[in-house]
Amino acid sequence: RKPRWTVAAAKGFLAEDADNTYLRGVDDSIIGVDKKTGEPKFHSQRGDLTQFAINTTSPLIYTATANGQIMAVRAVTRAGAVGQVVKANAPIEPLALAR
């Protein structure tokens, strides 16, 4: 089967919403691509993302830096918007205890 479109600067799928597909760039950026045309519309500006998780159930993009900062990213597609960071303290449940 022939692909609908390809993006040469991408190396993998991350997530999608109704209008866009989010791909992992070969430079470890996040690329927002128009679902219908395959035209890249935007890409992330961070240079420290190293780990990514594929999300097939929502448009959230899960990523992490080399120093262990984990993020859930939602694309901001409004013109003129840069985005926002929201901190949410999650309850901590230890996986193991050491003495």
C-alpha atoms as a PDB file:
ATOM      1  CA  ARG A   1       0.000   0.000   0.000  1.00  0.00           C
ATOM      2  CA  LYS A   2       1.294   3.431  -0.931  1.00  0.00           C
ATOM      3  CA  PRO A   3       1.641   5.949   1.945  1.00  0.00           C
ATOM      4  CA  ARG A   4      -0.632   8.978   1.816  1.00  0.00           C
ATOM      5  CA  TRP A   5       2.393  11.216   2.514  1.00  0.00           C
ATOM      6  CA  THR A   6       5.888  11.025   3.970  1.00  0.00           C
ATOM      7  CA  VAL A   7       8.010  13.480   5.968  1.00  0.00           C
ATOM      8  CA  ALA A   8      11.729  13.119   5.306  1.00  0.00           C
ATOM      9  CA  ALA A   9      12.716  14.959   8.516  1.00  0.00           C
ATOM     10  CA  ALA A  10      10.745  12.522  10.704  1.00  0.00           C
ATOM     11  CA  LYS A  11      11.684   9.175  12.182  1.00  0.00           C
ATOM     12  CA  GLY A  12       8.518   8.110  13.985  1.00  0.00           C
ATOM     13  CA  PHE A  13       4.896   8.654  15.013  1.00  0.00           C
ATOM     14  CA  LEU A  14       4.127  10.209  18.416  1.00  0.00           C
ATOM     15  CA  ALA A  15       0.406  11.148  18.565  1.00  0.00           C
ATOM     16  CA  GLU A  16      -2.433  12.722  16.587  1.00  0.00           C
ATOM     17  CA  ASP A  17      -5.538  14.866  16.933  1.00  0.00           C
ATOM     18  CA  ALA A  18      -8.374  15.661  14.507  1.00  0.00           C
ATOM     19  CA  ASP A  19      -6.224  17.914  12.279  1.00  0.00           C
ATOM     20  CA  ASN A  20      -2.571  17.090  12.930  1.00  0.00           C
ATOM     21  CA  THR A  21      -0.192  14.197  13.271  1.00  0.00           C
ATOM     22  CA  TYR A  22       2.765  14.681  15.637  1.00  0.00           C
ATOM     23  CA  LEU A  23       6.032  13.073  14.608  1.00  0.00           C
ATOM     24  CA  ARG A  24       9.475  12.662  16.158  1.00  0.00           C
ATOM     25  CA  GLY A  25      12.004  14.522  14.057  1.00  0.00           C
ATOM     26  CA  VAL A  26      15.385  13.085  13.114  1.00  0.00           C
ATOM     27  CA  ASP A  27      16.821  15.869  15.334  1.00  0.00           C
ATOM     28  CA  ASP A  28      14.548  14.767  18.256  1.00  0.00           C
ATOM     29  CA  SER A  29      12.171  17.697  17.752  1.00  0.00           C
ATOM     30  CA  ILE A  30       8.382  17.346  17.645  1.00  0.00           C
ATOM     31  CA  ILE A  31       6.953  18.050  14.197  1.00  0.00           C
ATOM     32  CA  GLY A  32       3.268  18.953  13.750  1.00  0.00           C
ATOM     33  CA  VAL A  33       2.075  17.798  10.324  1.00  0.00           C
ATOM     34  CA  ASP A  34      -1.243  18.528   8.579  1.00  0.00           C
ATOM     35  CA  LYS A  35      -3.048  15.174   8.514  1.00  0.00           C
ATOM     36  CA  LYS A  36      -4.572  15.699   5.071  1.00  0.00           C
ATOM     37  CA  THR A  37      -1.587  17.069   3.151  1.00  0.00           C
ATOM     38  CA  GLY A  38       1.452  15.861   5.098  1.00  0.00           C
ATOM     39  CA  GLU A  39       2.756  19.429   5.125  1.00  0.00           C
ATOM     40  CA  PRO A  40       4.830  20.230   8.249  1.00  0.00           C
ATOM     41  CA  LYS A  41       3.087  23.129  10.046  1.00  0.00           C
ATOM     42  CA  PHE A  42       5.319  23.631  13.096  1.00  0.00           C
ATOM     43  CA  HIS A  43       8.075  22.050  15.159  1.00  0.00           C
ATOM     44  CA  SER A  44       9.282  22.284  18.735  1.00  0.00           C
ATOM     45  CA  GLN A  45      12.100  24.634  19.661  1.00  0.00           C
ATOM     46  CA  ARG A  46      13.624  22.574  22.511  1.00  0.00           C
ATOM     47  CA  GLY A  47      16.941  20.923  21.851  1.00  0.00           C
ATOM     48  CA  ASP A  48      17.079  18.709  24.941  1.00  0.00           C
ATOM     49  CA  LEU A  49      14.395  16.067  24.268  1.00  0.00           C
ATOM     50  CA  THR A  50      15.848  12.560  24.096  1.00  0.00           C
ATOM     51  CA  GLN A  51      13.093  10.057  24.925  1.00  0.00           C
ATOM     52  CA  PHE A  52       9.601   9.763  23.442  1.00  0.00           C
ATOM     53  CA  ALA A  53       6.580   7.504  23.909  1.00  0.00           C
ATOM     54  CA  ILE A  54       3.993   6.678  21.253  1.00  0.00           C
ATOM     55  CA  ASN A  55       0.446   7.655  22.257  1.00  0.00           C
ATOM     56  CA  THR A  56      -2.356   6.215  20.113  1.00  0.00           C
ATOM     57  CA  THR A  57      -5.204   7.187  22.472  1.00  0.00           C
ATOM     58  CA  SER A  58      -4.910  10.984  22.818  1.00  0.00           C
ATOM     59  CA  PRO A  59      -3.063  13.969  21.326  1.00  0.00           C
ATOM     60  CA  LEU A  60      -0.737  14.255  24.333  1.00  0.00           C
ATOM     61  CA  ILE A  61       2.930  13.832  23.469  1.00  0.00           C
ATOM     62  CA  TYR A  62       5.037  12.180  26.177  1.00  0.00           C
ATOM     63  CA  THR A  63       8.721  13.065  26.173  1.00  0.00           C
ATOM     64  CA  ALA A  64      11.706  13.342  28.507  1.00  0.00           C
ATOM     65  CA  THR A  65      15.085  15.012  28.675  1.00  0.00           C
ATOM     66  CA  ALA A  66      18.414  13.280  29.314  1.00  0.00           C
ATOM     67  CA  ASN A  67      18.419  14.566  32.914  1.00  0.00           C
ATOM     68  CA  GLY A  68      15.069  12.883  33.642  1.00  0.00           C
ATOM     69  CA  GLN A  69      12.555  15.717  33.260  1.00  0.00           C
ATOM     70  CA  ILE A  70       9.359  14.055  32.004  1.00  0.00           C
ATOM     71  CA  MET A  71       6.697  16.056  30.144  1.00  0.00           C
ATOM     72  CA  ALA A  72       3.263  15.599  28.657  1.00  0.00           C
ATOM     73  CA  VAL A  73       2.996  18.101  25.811  1.00  0.00           C
ATOM     74  CA  ARG A  74      -0.192  19.327  24.171  1.00  0.00           C
ATOM     75  CA  ALA A  75       0.234  21.257  20.929  1.00  0.00           C
ATOM     76  CA  VAL A  76      -0.889  24.894  20.998  1.00  0.00           C
ATOM     77  CA  THR A  77      -2.158  25.594  17.489  1.00  0.00           C
ATOM     78  CA  ARG A  78      -3.605  29.092  17.977  1.00  0.00           C
ATOM     79  CA  ALA A  79      -1.806  31.740  15.941  1.00  0.00           C
ATOM     80  CA  GLY A  80       0.431  33.904  18.118  1.00  0.00           C
ATOM     81  CA  ALA A  81       0.370  31.478  21.044  1.00  0.00           C
ATOM     82  CA  VAL A  82       3.651  30.158  22.382  1.00  0.00           C
ATOM     83  CA  GLY A  83       2.285  27.696  24.910  1.00  0.00           C
ATOM     84  CA  GLN A  84       2.274  27.351  28.631  1.00  0.00           C
ATOM     85  CA  VAL A  85       3.784  25.115  31.260  1.00  0.00           C
ATOM     86  CA  VAL A  86       1.516  23.828  33.990  1.00  0.00           C
ATOM     87  CA  LYS A  87       2.925  22.035  37.011  1.00  0.00           C
ATOM     88  CA  ALA A  88       0.773  19.368  38.596  1.00  0.00           C
ATOM     89  CA  ASN A  89       2.099  17.550  41.633  1.00  0.00           C
ATOM     90  CA  ALA A  90       1.295  13.892  41.304  1.00  0.00           C
ATOM     91  CA  PRO A  91       0.878  11.736  44.394  1.00  0.00           C
ATOM     92  CA  ILE A  92       4.043   9.737  44.919  1.00  0.00           C
ATOM     93  CA  GLU A  93       3.681   6.013  45.443  1.00  0.00           C
ATOM     94  CA  PRO A  94       7.036   4.305  45.973  1.00  0.00           C
ATOM     95  CA  LEU A  95       7.686   1.253  43.854  1.00  0.00           C
ATOM     96  CA  ALA A  96      10.178  -0.155  46.339  1.00  0.00           C
ATOM     97  CA  LEU A  97      11.573   0.746  49.723  1.00  0.00           C
ATOM     98  CA  ALA A  98      15.215   0.316  50.746  1.00  0.00           C
ATOM     99  CA  ARG A  99      16.636   0.163  54.257  1.00  0.00           C
END
